[in-house]
Amino acid sequence: MTTDTQWAKLRTDVLENIKSLLDSWNGSAEEAVTLISENERNMDQLKKIEEQLSEDEAFQYTSVEKQLLTVIIPKQQQMIATIRGEKTSLMNKMKQINQKNKVRDNYVSVQRAPVFVDKGI
């Protein structure tokens, strides 16, 4: 049977896995999305481990775990900020494209209005 200490060791190992994945980030939004989705598995594993720990152990992090978390959390926030920035940039580009299409459509009439000649009938 696994003791709380062994579960805590597993938690440290999972946090180290998360950190190493985040450290491999190349700074791009695409890579950030990939790494965050890869880390989902680690996060699920972390939740399962914490469910196995006693309530006291689940909330008591070792100094190593605290140090890992102080690296993981800002890195993950940086990745999320990069993704949001890329999303905003793409949205702005889409707006520009839509505006260009509107200008084009107004300049070159796509639909021809029917012309009726009033012959005084």
PDB file of N, CA and C in Angstrom:
ATOM      1  N   MET A   1       0.847  -1.188   0.000  1.00  0.00           N
ATOM      2  CA  MET A   1       0.000   0.000   0.000  1.00  0.00           C
ATOM      3  C   MET A   1       0.884   1.241   0.000  1.00  0.00           C
ATOM      4  N   THR A   2       0.488   2.243  -0.729  1.00  0.00           N
ATOM      5  CA  THR A   2       1.282   3.451  -0.877  1.00  0.00           C
ATOM      6  C   THR A   2       1.007   4.410   0.276  1.00  0.00           C
ATOM      7  N   THR A   3       2.072   4.930   0.859  1.00  0.00           N
ATOM      8  CA  THR A   3       1.930   5.875   1.968  1.00  0.00           C
ATOM      9  C   THR A   3       1.845   7.291   1.432  1.00  0.00           C
ATOM     10  N   ASP A   4       1.475   8.211   2.333  1.00  0.00           N
ATOM     11  CA  ASP A   4       1.394   9.617   1.945  1.00  0.00           C
ATOM     12  C   ASP A   4       2.733  10.126   1.434  1.00  0.00           C
ATOM     13  N   THR A   5       3.824   9.667   2.024  1.00  0.00           N
ATOM     14  CA  THR A   5       5.152  10.111   1.608  1.00  0.00           C
ATOM     15  C   THR A   5       5.445   9.681   0.171  1.00  0.00           C
ATOM     16  N   GLN A   6       5.046   8.473  -0.169  1.00  0.00           N
ATOM     17  CA  GLN A   6       5.260   7.994  -1.539  1.00  0.00           C
ATOM     18  C   GLN A   6       4.392   8.779  -2.526  1.00  0.00           C
ATOM     19  N   TRP A   7       3.163   9.095  -2.142  1.00  0.00           N
ATOM     20  CA  TRP A   7       2.296   9.900  -2.995  1.00  0.00           C
ATOM     21  C   TRP A   7       2.887  11.290  -3.179  1.00  0.00           C
ATOM     22  N   ALA A   8       3.442  11.836  -2.083  1.00  0.00           N
ATOM     23  CA  ALA A   8       4.060  13.162  -2.169  1.00  0.00           C
ATOM     24  C   ALA A   8       5.257  13.127  -3.116  1.00  0.00           C
ATOM     25  N   LYS A   9       6.024  12.041  -3.106  1.00  0.00           N
ATOM     26  CA  LYS A   9       7.165  11.883  -4.021  1.00  0.00           C
ATOM     27  C   LYS A   9       6.670  11.831  -5.463  1.00  0.00           C
ATOM     28  N   LEU A  10       5.575  11.111  -5.672  1.00  0.00           N
ATOM     29  CA  LEU A  10       4.996  11.056  -7.018  1.00  0.00           C
ATOM     30  C   LEU A  10       4.538  12.443  -7.465  1.00  0.00           C
ATOM     31  N   ARG A  11       3.983  13.209  -6.545  1.00  0.00           N
ATOM     32  CA  ARG A  11       3.537  14.572  -6.862  1.00  0.00           C
ATOM     33  C   ARG A  11       4.734  15.419  -7.291  1.00  0.00           C
ATOM     34  N   THR A  12       5.847  15.289  -6.580  1.00  0.00           N
ATOM     35  CA  THR A  12       7.062  16.020  -6.946  1.00  0.00           C
ATOM     36  C   THR A  12       7.526  15.619  -8.342  1.00  0.00           C
ATOM     37  N   ASP A  13       7.475  14.325  -8.636  1.00  0.00           N
ATOM     38  CA  ASP A  13       7.887  13.846  -9.958  1.00  0.00           C
ATOM     39  C   ASP A  13       7.008  14.424 -11.064  1.00  0.00           C
ATOM     40  N   VAL A  14       5.708  14.475 -10.825  1.00  0.00           N
ATOM     41  CA  VAL A  14       4.785  15.023 -11.824  1.00  0.00           C
ATOM     42  C   VAL A  14       5.066  16.510 -12.020  1.00  0.00           C
ATOM     43  N   LEU A  15       5.303  17.239 -10.937  1.00  0.00           N
ATOM     44  CA  LEU A  15       5.615  18.667 -11.053  1.00  0.00           C
ATOM     45  C   LEU A  15       6.909  18.873 -11.843  1.00  0.00           C
ATOM     46  N   GLU A  16       7.881  18.000 -11.638  1.00  0.00           N
ATOM     47  CA  GLU A  16       9.134  18.094 -12.397  1.00  0.00           C
ATOM     48  C   GLU A  16       8.880  17.821 -13.885  1.00  0.00           C
ATOM     49  N   ASN A  17       7.990  16.880 -14.184  1.00  0.00           N
ATOM     50  CA  ASN A  17       7.625  16.609 -15.583  1.00  0.00           C
ATOM     51  C   ASN A  17       6.968  17.835 -16.219  1.00  0.00           C
ATOM     52  N   ILE A  18       6.072  18.463 -15.473  1.00  0.00           N
ATOM     53  CA  ILE A  18       5.397  19.666 -15.969  1.00  0.00           C
ATOM     54  C   ILE A  18       6.427  20.754 -16.250  1.00  0.00           C
ATOM     55  N   LYS A  19       7.331  20.961 -15.304  1.00  0.00           N
ATOM     56  CA  LYS A  19       8.363  21.995 -15.451  1.00  0.00           C
ATOM     57  C   LYS A  19       9.245  21.718 -16.666  1.00  0.00           C
ATOM     58  N   SER A  20       9.658  20.476 -16.842  1.00  0.00           N
ATOM     59  CA  SER A  20      10.541  20.172 -17.973  1.00  0.00           C
ATOM     60  C   SER A  20       9.824  20.386 -19.313  1.00  0.00           C
ATOM     61  N   LEU A  21       8.536  20.067 -19.358  1.00  0.00           N
ATOM     62  CA  LEU A  21       7.775  20.339 -20.585  1.00  0.00           C
ATOM     63  C   LEU A  21       7.689  21.839 -20.847  1.00  0.00           C
ATOM     64  N   LEU A  22       7.403  22.604 -19.807  1.00  0.00           N
ATOM     65  CA  LEU A  22       7.298  24.054 -19.968  1.00  0.00           C
ATOM     66  C   LEU A  22       8.647  24.666 -20.339  1.00  0.00           C
ATOM     67  N   ASP A  23       9.724  24.105 -19.814  1.00  0.00           N
ATOM     68  CA  ASP A  23      11.062  24.614 -20.142  1.00  0.00           C
ATOM     69  C   ASP A  23      11.415  24.399 -21.609  1.00  0.00           C
ATOM     70  N   SER A  24      10.757  23.446 -22.250  1.00  0.00           N
ATOM     71  CA  SER A  24      11.058  23.165 -23.662  1.00  0.00           C
ATOM     72  C   SER A  24      10.323  24.125 -24.606  1.00  0.00           C
ATOM     73  N   TRP A  25       9.521  25.031 -24.061  1.00  0.00           N
ATOM     74  CA  TRP A  25       8.736  25.961 -24.872  1.00  0.00           C
ATOM     75  C   TRP A  25       9.640  26.879 -25.682  1.00  0.00           C
ATOM     76  N   ASN A  26       9.338  27.041 -26.962  1.00  0.00           N
ATOM     77  CA  ASN A  26      10.157  27.875 -27.843  1.00  0.00           C
ATOM     78  C   ASN A  26       9.637  29.311 -27.958  1.00  0.00           C
ATOM     79  N   GLY A  27       8.564  29.638 -27.240  1.00  0.00           N
ATOM     80  CA  GLY A  27       8.052  30.993 -27.238  1.00  0.00           C
ATOM     81  C   GLY A  27       6.897  31.253 -28.186  1.00  0.00           C
ATOM     82  N   SER A  28       6.573  30.276 -29.034  1.00  0.00           N
ATOM     83  CA  SER A  28       5.491  30.488 -29.999  1.00  0.00           C
ATOM     84  C   SER A  28       4.142  30.106 -29.388  1.00  0.00           C
ATOM     85  N   ALA A  29       3.094  30.705 -29.933  1.00  0.00           N
ATOM     86  CA  ALA A  29       1.740  30.406 -29.452  1.00  0.00           C
ATOM     87  C   ALA A  29       1.343  28.974 -29.808  1.00  0.00           C
ATOM     88  N   GLU A  30       1.748  28.523 -30.990  1.00  0.00           N
ATOM     89  CA  GLU A  30       1.410  27.157 -31.410  1.00  0.00           C
ATOM     90  C   GLU A  30       2.021  26.135 -30.460  1.00  0.00           C
ATOM     91  N   GLU A  31       3.269  26.336 -30.119  1.00  0.00           N
ATOM     92  CA  GLU A  31       3.969  25.431 -29.194  1.00  0.00           C
ATOM     93  C   GLU A  31       3.328  25.504 -27.809  1.00  0.00           C
ATOM     94  N   ALA A  32       2.896  26.693 -27.412  1.00  0.00           N
ATOM     95  CA  ALA A  32       2.247  26.854 -26.106  1.00  0.00           C
ATOM     96  C   ALA A  32       0.976  26.022 -26.034  1.00  0.00           C
ATOM     97  N   VAL A  33       0.180  26.055 -27.093  1.00  0.00           N
ATOM     98  CA  VAL A  33      -1.055  25.273 -27.133  1.00  0.00           C
ATOM     99  C   VAL A  33      -0.724  23.782 -27.028  1.00  0.00           C
ATOM    100  N   THR A  34       0.285  23.350 -27.772  1.00  0.00           N
ATOM    101  CA  THR A  34       0.687  21.941 -27.752  1.00  0.00           C
ATOM    102  C   THR A  34       1.140  21.523 -26.362  1.00  0.00           C
ATOM    103  N   LEU A  35       2.001  22.328 -25.745  1.00  0.00           N
ATOM    104  CA  LEU A  35       2.525  21.973 -24.430  1.00  0.00           C
ATOM    105  C   LEU A  35       1.441  21.973 -23.353  1.00  0.00           C
ATOM    106  N   ILE A  36       0.543  22.924 -23.431  1.00  0.00           N
ATOM    107  CA  ILE A  36      -0.538  22.976 -22.441  1.00  0.00           C
ATOM    108  C   ILE A  36      -1.424  21.737 -22.578  1.00  0.00           C
ATOM    109  N   SER A  37      -1.709  21.336 -23.805  1.00  0.00           N
ATOM    110  CA  SER A  37      -2.536  20.140 -23.976  1.00  0.00           C
ATOM    111  C   SER A  37      -1.780  18.886 -23.535  1.00  0.00           C
ATOM    112  N   GLU A  38      -0.473  18.832 -23.772  1.00  0.00           N
ATOM    113  CA  GLU A  38       0.328  17.704 -23.296  1.00  0.00           C
ATOM    114  C   GLU A  38       0.356  17.661 -21.769  1.00  0.00           C
ATOM    115  N   ASN A  39       0.358  18.829 -21.155  1.00  0.00           N
ATOM    116  CA  ASN A  39       0.400  18.896 -19.699  1.00  0.00           C
ATOM    117  C   ASN A  39      -0.933  18.536 -19.050  1.00  0.00           C
ATOM    118  N   GLU A  40      -2.009  18.465 -19.838  1.00  0.00           N
ATOM    119  CA  GLU A  40      -3.306  18.050 -19.301  1.00  0.00           C
ATOM    120  C   GLU A  40      -3.195  16.689 -18.621  1.00  0.00           C
ATOM    121  N   ARG A  41      -2.463  15.795 -19.251  1.00  0.00           N
ATOM    122  CA  ARG A  41      -2.269  14.442 -18.705  1.00  0.00           C
ATOM    123  C   ARG A  41      -1.570  14.519 -17.349  1.00  0.00           C
ATOM    124  N   ASN A  42      -0.542  15.368 -17.272  1.00  0.00           N
ATOM    125  CA  ASN A  42       0.169  15.540 -16.001  1.00  0.00           C
ATOM    126  C   ASN A  42      -0.735  16.157 -14.935  1.00  0.00           C
ATOM    127  N   MET A  43      -1.554  17.110 -15.346  1.00  0.00           N
ATOM    128  CA  MET A  43      -2.459  17.758 -14.395  1.00  0.00           C
ATOM    129  C   MET A  43      -3.493  16.759 -13.863  1.00  0.00           C
ATOM    130  N   ASP A  44      -4.002  15.903 -14.741  1.00  0.00           N
ATOM    131  CA  ASP A  44      -4.947  14.870 -14.305  1.00  0.00           C
ATOM    132  C   ASP A  44      -4.279  13.919 -13.307  1.00  0.00           C
ATOM    133  N   GLN A  45      -3.045  13.564 -13.609  1.00  0.00           N
ATOM    134  CA  GLN A  45      -2.290  12.681 -12.716  1.00  0.00           C
ATOM    135  C   GLN A  45      -2.064  13.367 -11.367  1.00  0.00           C
ATOM    136  N   LEU A  46      -1.764  14.643 -11.395  1.00  0.00           N
ATOM    137  CA  LEU A  46      -1.555  15.409 -10.172  1.00  0.00           C
ATOM    138  C   LEU A  46      -2.823  15.431  -9.314  1.00  0.00           C
ATOM    139  N   LYS A  47      -3.971  15.602  -9.956  1.00  0.00           N
ATOM    140  CA  LYS A  47      -5.249  15.588  -9.227  1.00  0.00           C
ATOM    141  C   LYS A  47      -5.482  14.240  -8.556  1.00  0.00           C
ATOM    142  N   LYS A  48      -5.198  13.159  -9.293  1.00  0.00           N
ATOM    143  CA  LYS A  48      -5.386  11.818  -8.736  1.00  0.00           C
ATOM    144  C   LYS A  48      -4.474  11.589  -7.530  1.00  0.00           C
ATOM    145  N   ILE A  49      -3.248  12.067  -7.634  1.00  0.00           N
ATOM    146  CA  ILE A  49      -2.299  11.922  -6.524  1.00  0.00           C
ATOM    147  C   ILE A  49      -2.801  12.676  -5.310  1.00  0.00           C
ATOM    148  N   GLU A  50      -3.252  13.903  -5.514  1.00  0.00           N
ATOM    149  CA  GLU A  50      -3.713  14.705  -4.385  1.00  0.00           C
ATOM    150  C   GLU A  50      -4.969  14.125  -3.744  1.00  0.00           C
ATOM    151  N   GLU A  51      -5.778  13.417  -4.526  1.00  0.00           N
ATOM    152  CA  GLU A  51      -6.941  12.740  -3.959  1.00  0.00           C
ATOM    153  C   GLU A  51      -6.524  11.598  -3.042  1.00  0.00           C
ATOM    154  N   GLN A  52      -5.366  10.999  -3.319  1.00  0.00           N
ATOM    155  CA  GLN A  52      -4.883   9.879  -2.516  1.00  0.00           C
ATOM    156  C   GLN A  52      -4.222  10.330  -1.216  1.00  0.00           C
ATOM    157  N   LEU A  53      -3.781  11.565  -1.185  1.00  0.00           N
ATOM    158  CA  LEU A  53      -3.101  12.082   0.007  1.00  0.00           C
ATOM    159  C   LEU A  53      -4.116  12.431   1.083  1.00  0.00           C
ATOM    160  N   SER A  54      -3.667  12.362   2.314  1.00  0.00           N
ATOM    161  CA  SER A  54      -4.526  12.831   3.398  1.00  0.00           C
ATOM    162  C   SER A  54      -4.696  14.333   3.233  1.00  0.00           C
ATOM    163  N   GLU A  55      -5.705  14.878   3.877  1.00  0.00           N
ATOM    164  CA  GLU A  55      -5.990  16.303   3.721  1.00  0.00           C
ATOM    165  C   GLU A  55      -4.799  17.157   4.137  1.00  0.00           C
ATOM    166  N   ASP A  56      -4.119  16.762   5.201  1.00  0.00           N
ATOM    167  CA  ASP A  56      -2.949  17.514   5.658  1.00  0.00           C
ATOM    168  C   ASP A  56      -1.828  17.471   4.620  1.00  0.00           C
ATOM    169  N   GLU A  57      -1.546  16.295   4.094  1.00  0.00           N
ATOM    170  CA  GLU A  57      -0.460  16.139   3.119  1.00  0.00           C
ATOM    171  C   GLU A  57      -0.779  16.836   1.792  1.00  0.00           C
ATOM    172  N   ALA A  58      -2.039  16.832   1.405  1.00  0.00           N
ATOM    173  CA  ALA A  58      -2.420  17.419   0.115  1.00  0.00           C
ATOM    174  C   ALA A  58      -2.124  18.910   0.059  1.00  0.00           C
ATOM    175  N   PHE A  59      -2.188  19.585   1.199  1.00  0.00           N
ATOM    176  CA  PHE A  59      -1.976  21.030   1.218  1.00  0.00           C
ATOM    177  C   PHE A  59      -0.610  21.429   1.753  1.00  0.00           C
ATOM    178  N   GLN A  60       0.202  20.460   2.090  1.00  0.00           N
ATOM    179  CA  GLN A  60       1.553  20.765   2.568  1.00  0.00           C
ATOM    180  C   GLN A  60       2.555  20.389   1.481  1.00  0.00           C
ATOM    181  N   TYR A  61       3.090  21.422   0.856  1.00  0.00           N
ATOM    182  CA  TYR A  61       4.056  21.208  -0.212  1.00  0.00           C
ATOM    183  C   TYR A  61       5.455  21.272   0.368  1.00  0.00           C
ATOM    184  N   THR A  62       6.339  20.451  -0.176  1.00  0.00           N
ATOM    185  CA  THR A  62       7.735  20.497   0.246  1.00  0.00           C
ATOM    186  C   THR A  62       8.389  21.733  -0.355  1.00  0.00           C
ATOM    187  N   SER A  63       9.580  22.048   0.121  1.00  0.00           N
ATOM    188  CA  SER A  63      10.282  23.218  -0.420  1.00  0.00           C
ATOM    189  C   SER A  63      10.603  23.020  -1.901  1.00  0.00           C
ATOM    190  N   VAL A  64      10.895  21.782  -2.292  1.00  0.00           N
ATOM    191  CA  VAL A  64      11.168  21.485  -3.702  1.00  0.00           C
ATOM    192  C   VAL A  64       9.910  21.729  -4.535  1.00  0.00           C
ATOM    193  N   GLU A  65       8.760  21.271  -4.038  1.00  0.00           N
ATOM    194  CA  GLU A  65       7.502  21.472  -4.764  1.00  0.00           C
ATOM    195  C   GLU A  65       7.155  22.951  -4.857  1.00  0.00           C
ATOM    196  N   LYS A  66       7.375  23.686  -3.783  1.00  0.00           N
ATOM    197  CA  LYS A  66       7.110  25.127  -3.802  1.00  0.00           C
ATOM    198  C   LYS A  66       7.991  25.810  -4.835  1.00  0.00           C
ATOM    199  N   GLN A  67       9.243  25.398  -4.885  1.00  0.00           N
ATOM    200  CA  GLN A  67      10.177  25.986  -5.851  1.00  0.00           C
ATOM    201  C   GLN A  67       9.729  25.663  -7.284  1.00  0.00           C
ATOM    202  N   LEU A  68       9.301  24.428  -7.506  1.00  0.00           N
ATOM    203  CA  LEU A  68       8.810  24.043  -8.839  1.00  0.00           C
ATOM    204  C   LEU A  68       7.573  24.866  -9.219  1.00  0.00           C
ATOM    205  N   LEU A  69       6.674  25.037  -8.261  1.00  0.00           N
ATOM    206  CA  LEU A  69       5.458  25.805  -8.531  1.00  0.00           C
ATOM    207  C   LEU A  69       5.757  27.269  -8.836  1.00  0.00           C
ATOM    208  N   THR A  70       6.790  27.830  -8.195  1.00  0.00           N
ATOM    209  CA  THR A  70       7.139  29.229  -8.465  1.00  0.00           C
ATOM    210  C   THR A  70       7.719  29.407  -9.867  1.00  0.00           C
ATOM    211  N   VAL A  71       8.150  28.322 -10.473  1.00  0.00           N
ATOM    212  CA  VAL A  71       8.621  28.374 -11.855  1.00  0.00           C
ATOM    213  C   VAL A  71       7.469  28.037 -12.816  1.00  0.00           C
ATOM    214  N   ILE A  72       6.680  27.031 -12.458  1.00  0.00           N
ATOM    215  CA  ILE A  72       5.611  26.534 -13.331  1.00  0.00           C
ATOM    216  C   ILE A  72       4.519  27.581 -13.548  1.00  0.00           C
ATOM    217  N   ILE A  73       4.042  28.164 -12.467  1.00  0.00           N
ATOM    218  CA  ILE A  73       2.893  29.075 -12.562  1.00  0.00           C
ATOM    219  C   ILE A  73       3.173  30.285 -13.451  1.00  0.00           C
ATOM    220  N   PRO A  74       4.290  31.024 -13.235  1.00  0.00           N
ATOM    221  CA  PRO A  74       4.547  32.169 -14.129  1.00  0.00           C
ATOM    222  C   PRO A  74       4.776  31.752 -15.584  1.00  0.00           C
ATOM    223  N   LYS A  75       5.410  30.608 -15.788  1.00  0.00           N
ATOM    224  CA  LYS A  75       5.669  30.133 -17.153  1.00  0.00           C
ATOM    225  C   LYS A  75       4.343  29.817 -17.855  1.00  0.00           C
ATOM    226  N   GLN A  76       3.435  29.168 -17.125  1.00  0.00           N
ATOM    227  CA  GLN A  76       2.140  28.847 -17.707  1.00  0.00           C
ATOM    228  C   GLN A  76       1.353  30.123 -17.991  1.00  0.00           C
ATOM    229  N   GLN A  77       1.437  31.096 -17.095  1.00  0.00           N
ATOM    230  CA  GLN A  77       0.752  32.375 -17.313  1.00  0.00           C
ATOM    231  C   GLN A  77       1.328  33.096 -18.528  1.00  0.00           C
ATOM    232  N   GLN A  78       2.639  32.996 -18.704  1.00  0.00           N
ATOM    233  CA  GLN A  78       3.290  33.607 -19.863  1.00  0.00           C
ATOM    234  C   GLN A  78       2.808  32.941 -21.156  1.00  0.00           C
ATOM    235  N   MET A  79       2.674  31.635 -21.119  1.00  0.00           N
ATOM    236  CA  MET A  79       2.196  30.904 -22.296  1.00  0.00           C
ATOM    237  C   MET A  79       0.765  31.312 -22.636  1.00  0.00           C
ATOM    238  N   ILE A  80      -0.079  31.420 -21.627  1.00  0.00           N
ATOM    239  CA  ILE A  80      -1.472  31.810 -21.834  1.00  0.00           C
ATOM    240  C   ILE A  80      -1.538  33.236 -22.392  1.00  0.00           C
ATOM    241  N   ALA A  81      -0.690  34.130 -21.867  1.00  0.00           N
ATOM    242  CA  ALA A  81      -0.653  35.508 -22.371  1.00  0.00           C
ATOM    243  C   ALA A  81      -0.229  35.532 -23.839  1.00  0.00           C
ATOM    244  N   THR A  82       0.708  34.685 -24.209  1.00  0.00           N
ATOM    245  CA  THR A  82       1.152  34.603 -25.602  1.00  0.00           C
ATOM    246  C   THR A  82       0.018  34.115 -26.496  1.00  0.00           C
ATOM    247  N   ILE A  83      -0.717  33.116 -26.025  1.00  0.00           N
ATOM    248  CA  ILE A  83      -1.851  32.592 -26.799  1.00  0.00           C
ATOM    249  C   ILE A  83      -2.916  33.672 -26.966  1.00  0.00           C
ATOM    250  N   ARG A  84      -3.216  34.394 -25.887  1.00  0.00           N
ATOM    251  CA  ARG A  84      -4.220  35.461 -25.964  1.00  0.00           C
ATOM    252  C   ARG A  84      -3.774  36.576 -26.909  1.00  0.00           C
ATOM    253  N   GLY A  85      -2.479  36.903 -26.863  1.00  0.00           N
ATOM    254  CA  GLY A  85      -1.941  37.923 -27.766  1.00  0.00           C
ATOM    255  C   GLY A  85      -2.077  37.506 -29.214  1.00  0.00           C
ATOM    256  N   GLU A  86      -1.788  36.257 -29.491  1.00  0.00           N
ATOM    257  CA  GLU A  86      -1.919  35.729 -30.853  1.00  0.00           C
ATOM    258  C   GLU A  86      -3.381  35.740 -31.291  1.00  0.00           C
ATOM    259  N   LYS A  87      -4.263  35.401 -30.379  1.00  0.00           N
ATOM    260  CA  LYS A  87      -5.703  35.413 -30.689  1.00  0.00           C
ATOM    261  C   LYS A  87      -6.158  36.833 -31.042  1.00  0.00           C
ATOM    262  N   THR A  88      -5.729  37.808 -30.240  1.00  0.00           N
ATOM    263  CA  THR A  88      -6.085  39.203 -30.497  1.00  0.00           C
ATOM    264  C   THR A  88      -5.552  39.650 -31.850  1.00  0.00           C
ATOM    265  N   SER A  89      -4.319  39.280 -32.144  1.00  0.00           N
ATOM    266  CA  SER A  89      -3.713  39.633 -33.426  1.00  0.00           C
ATOM    267  C   SER A  89      -4.499  39.034 -34.588  1.00  0.00           C
ATOM    268  N   LEU A  90      -4.867  37.773 -34.458  1.00  0.00           N
ATOM    269  CA  LEU A  90      -5.642  37.123 -35.522  1.00  0.00           C
ATOM    270  C   LEU A  90      -7.016  37.764 -35.688  1.00  0.00           C
ATOM    271  N   MET A  91      -7.639  38.122 -34.567  1.00  0.00           N
ATOM    272  CA  MET A  91      -8.949  38.780 -34.641  1.00  0.00           C
ATOM    273  C   MET A  91      -8.832  40.121 -35.355  1.00  0.00           C
ATOM    274  N   ASN A  92      -7.776  40.881 -35.065  1.00  0.00           N
ATOM    275  CA  ASN A  92      -7.570  42.168 -35.736  1.00  0.00           C
ATOM    276  C   ASN A  92      -7.341  41.976 -37.235  1.00  0.00           C
ATOM    277  N   LYS A  93      -6.594  40.958 -37.595  1.00  0.00           N
ATOM    278  CA  LYS A  93      -6.359  40.680 -39.017  1.00  0.00           C
ATOM    279  C   LYS A  93      -7.658  40.301 -39.713  1.00  0.00           C
ATOM    280  N   MET A  94      -8.491  39.527 -39.027  1.00  0.00           N
ATOM    281  CA  MET A  94      -9.783  39.150 -39.606  1.00  0.00           C
ATOM    282  C   MET A  94     -10.669  40.381 -39.801  1.00  0.00           C
ATOM    283  N   LYS A  95     -10.652  41.305 -38.851  1.00  0.00           N
ATOM    284  CA  LYS A  95     -11.433  42.538 -38.983  1.00  0.00           C
ATOM    285  C   LYS A  95     -10.953  43.347 -40.178  1.00  0.00           C
ATOM    286  N   GLN A  96      -9.618  43.415 -40.356  1.00  0.00           N
ATOM    287  CA  GLN A  96      -9.074  44.153 -41.493  1.00  0.00           C
ATOM    288  C   GLN A  96      -9.508  43.519 -42.811  1.00  0.00           C
ATOM    289  N   ILE A  97      -9.482  42.213 -42.874  1.00  0.00           N
ATOM    290  CA  ILE A  97      -9.903  41.514 -44.090  1.00  0.00           C
ATOM    291  C   ILE A  97     -11.378  41.788 -44.365  1.00  0.00           C
ATOM    292  N   ASN A  98     -12.198  41.733 -43.325  1.00  0.00           N
ATOM    293  CA  ASN A  98     -13.630  42.008 -43.499  1.00  0.00           C
ATOM    294  C   ASN A  98     -13.859  43.436 -43.977  1.00  0.00           C
ATOM    295  N   GLN A  99     -13.084  44.395 -43.430  1.00  0.00           N
ATOM    296  CA  GLN A  99     -13.221  45.789 -43.870  1.00  0.00           C
ATOM    297  C   GLN A  99     -12.826  45.932 -45.333  1.00  0.00           C
ATOM    298  N   LYS A 100     -11.739  45.278 -45.728  1.00  0.00           N
ATOM    299  CA  LYS A 100     -11.304  45.336 -47.122  1.00  0.00           C
ATOM    300  C   LYS A 100     -12.367  44.749 -48.040  1.00  0.00           C
ATOM    301  N   ASN A 101     -12.997  43.674 -47.610  1.00  0.00           N
ATOM    302  CA  ASN A 101     -14.059  43.065 -48.416  1.00  0.00           C
ATOM    303  C   ASN A 101     -15.252  44.003 -48.543  1.00  0.00           C
ATOM    304  N   LYS A 102     -15.592  44.690 -47.463  1.00  0.00           N
ATOM    305  CA  LYS A 102     -16.713  45.642 -47.511  1.00  0.00           C
ATOM    306  C   LYS A 102     -16.402  46.789 -48.471  1.00  0.00           C
ATOM    307  N   VAL A 103     -15.188  47.310 -48.402  1.00  0.00           N
ATOM    308  CA  VAL A 103     -14.790  48.405 -49.294  1.00  0.00           C
ATOM    309  C   VAL A 103     -14.843  47.930 -50.741  1.00  0.00           C
ATOM    310  N   ARG A 104     -14.319  46.769 -50.991  1.00  0.00           N
ATOM    311  CA  ARG A 104     -14.347  46.214 -52.352  1.00  0.00           C
ATOM    312  C   ARG A 104     -15.779  46.043 -52.840  1.00  0.00           C
ATOM    313  N   ASP A 105     -16.626  45.467 -51.980  1.00  0.00           N
ATOM    314  CA  ASP A 105     -18.026  45.240 -52.379  1.00  0.00           C
ATOM    315  C   ASP A 105     -18.758  46.555 -52.630  1.00  0.00           C
ATOM    316  N   ASN A 106     -18.434  47.608 -51.891  1.00  0.00           N
ATOM    317  CA  ASN A 106     -19.071  48.908 -52.111  1.00  0.00           C
ATOM    318  C   ASN A 106     -18.533  49.593 -53.361  1.00  0.00           C
ATOM    319  N   TYR A 107     -17.290  49.349 -53.672  1.00  0.00           N
ATOM    320  CA  TYR A 107     -16.673  49.967 -54.834  1.00  0.00           C
ATOM    321  C   TYR A 107     -17.131  49.290 -56.125  1.00  0.00           C
ATOM    322  N   VAL A 108     -17.101  47.993 -56.109  1.00  0.00           N
ATOM    323  CA  VAL A 108     -17.523  47.218 -57.266  1.00  0.00           C
ATOM    324  C   VAL A 108     -18.846  46.571 -56.899  1.00  0.00           C
ATOM    325  N   SER A 109     -19.907  47.080 -57.458  1.00  0.00           N
ATOM    326  CA  SER A 109     -21.221  46.556 -57.115  1.00  0.00           C
ATOM    327  C   SER A 109     -21.359  45.142 -57.653  1.00  0.00           C
ATOM    328  N   VAL A 110     -21.633  44.243 -56.753  1.00  0.00           N
ATOM    329  CA  VAL A 110     -21.777  42.854 -57.146  1.00  0.00           C
ATOM    330  C   VAL A 110     -23.181  42.620 -57.703  1.00  0.00           C
ATOM    331  N   GLN A 111     -24.158  43.281 -57.133  1.00  0.00           N
ATOM    332  CA  GLN A 111     -25.532  43.120 -57.593  1.00  0.00           C
ATOM    333  C   GLN A 111     -25.906  44.303 -58.501  1.00  0.00           C
ATOM    334  N   ARG A 112     -26.581  44.002 -59.578  1.00  0.00           N
ATOM    335  CA  ARG A 112     -27.040  45.054 -60.480  1.00  0.00           C
ATOM    336  C   ARG A 112     -28.514  45.331 -60.183  1.00  0.00           C
ATOM    337  N   ALA A 113     -28.776  46.572 -59.924  1.00  0.00           N
ATOM    338  CA  ALA A 113     -30.169  46.959 -59.657  1.00  0.00           C
ATOM    339  C   ALA A 113     -30.925  47.003 -60.972  1.00  0.00           C
ATOM    340  N   PRO A 114     -32.151  46.516 -60.978  1.00  0.00           N
ATOM    341  CA  PRO A 114     -32.939  46.565 -62.223  1.00  0.00           C
ATOM    342  C   PRO A 114     -33.236  48.026 -62.600  1.00  0.00           C
ATOM    343  N   VAL A 115     -33.200  48.293 -63.888  1.00  0.00           N
ATOM    344  CA  VAL A 115     -33.441  49.641 -64.380  1.00  0.00           C
ATOM    345  C   VAL A 115     -34.778  49.640 -65.107  1.00  0.00           C
ATOM    346  N   PHE A 116     -35.685  50.494 -64.654  1.00  0.00           N
ATOM    347  CA  PHE A 116     -36.990  50.628 -65.290  1.00  0.00           C
ATOM    348  C   PHE A 116     -37.053  51.999 -65.979  1.00  0.00           C
ATOM    349  N   VAL A 117     -37.504  51.994 -67.175  1.00  0.00           N
ATOM    350  CA  VAL A 117     -37.626  53.255 -67.916  1.00  0.00           C
ATOM    351  C   VAL A 117     -39.083  53.676 -67.842  1.00  0.00           C
ATOM    352  N   ASP A 118     -39.303  54.882 -67.361  1.00  0.00           N
ATOM    353  CA  ASP A 118     -40.668  55.408 -67.254  1.00  0.00           C
ATOM    354  C   ASP A 118     -41.045  56.029 -68.595  1.00  0.00           C
ATOM    355  N   LYS A 119     -41.961  55.415 -69.310  1.00  0.00           N
ATOM    356  CA  LYS A 119     -42.366  55.907 -70.624  1.00  0.00           C
ATOM    357  C   LYS A 119     -43.662  56.703 -70.541  1.00  0.00           C
ATOM    358  N   GLY A 120     -44.042  57.068 -69.380  1.00  0.00           N
ATOM    359  CA  GLY A 120     -45.232  57.871 -69.207  1.00  0.00           C
ATOM    360  C   GLY A 120     -46.513  57.119 -69.509  1.00  0.00           C
ATOM    361  N   ILE A 121     -46.535  55.869 -69.321  1.00  0.00           N
ATOM    362  CA  ILE A 121     -47.727  55.078 -69.616  1.00  0.00           C
ATOM    363  C   ILE A 121     -48.735  55.211 -68.502  1.00  0.00           C
TER     364      ILE A 121
END
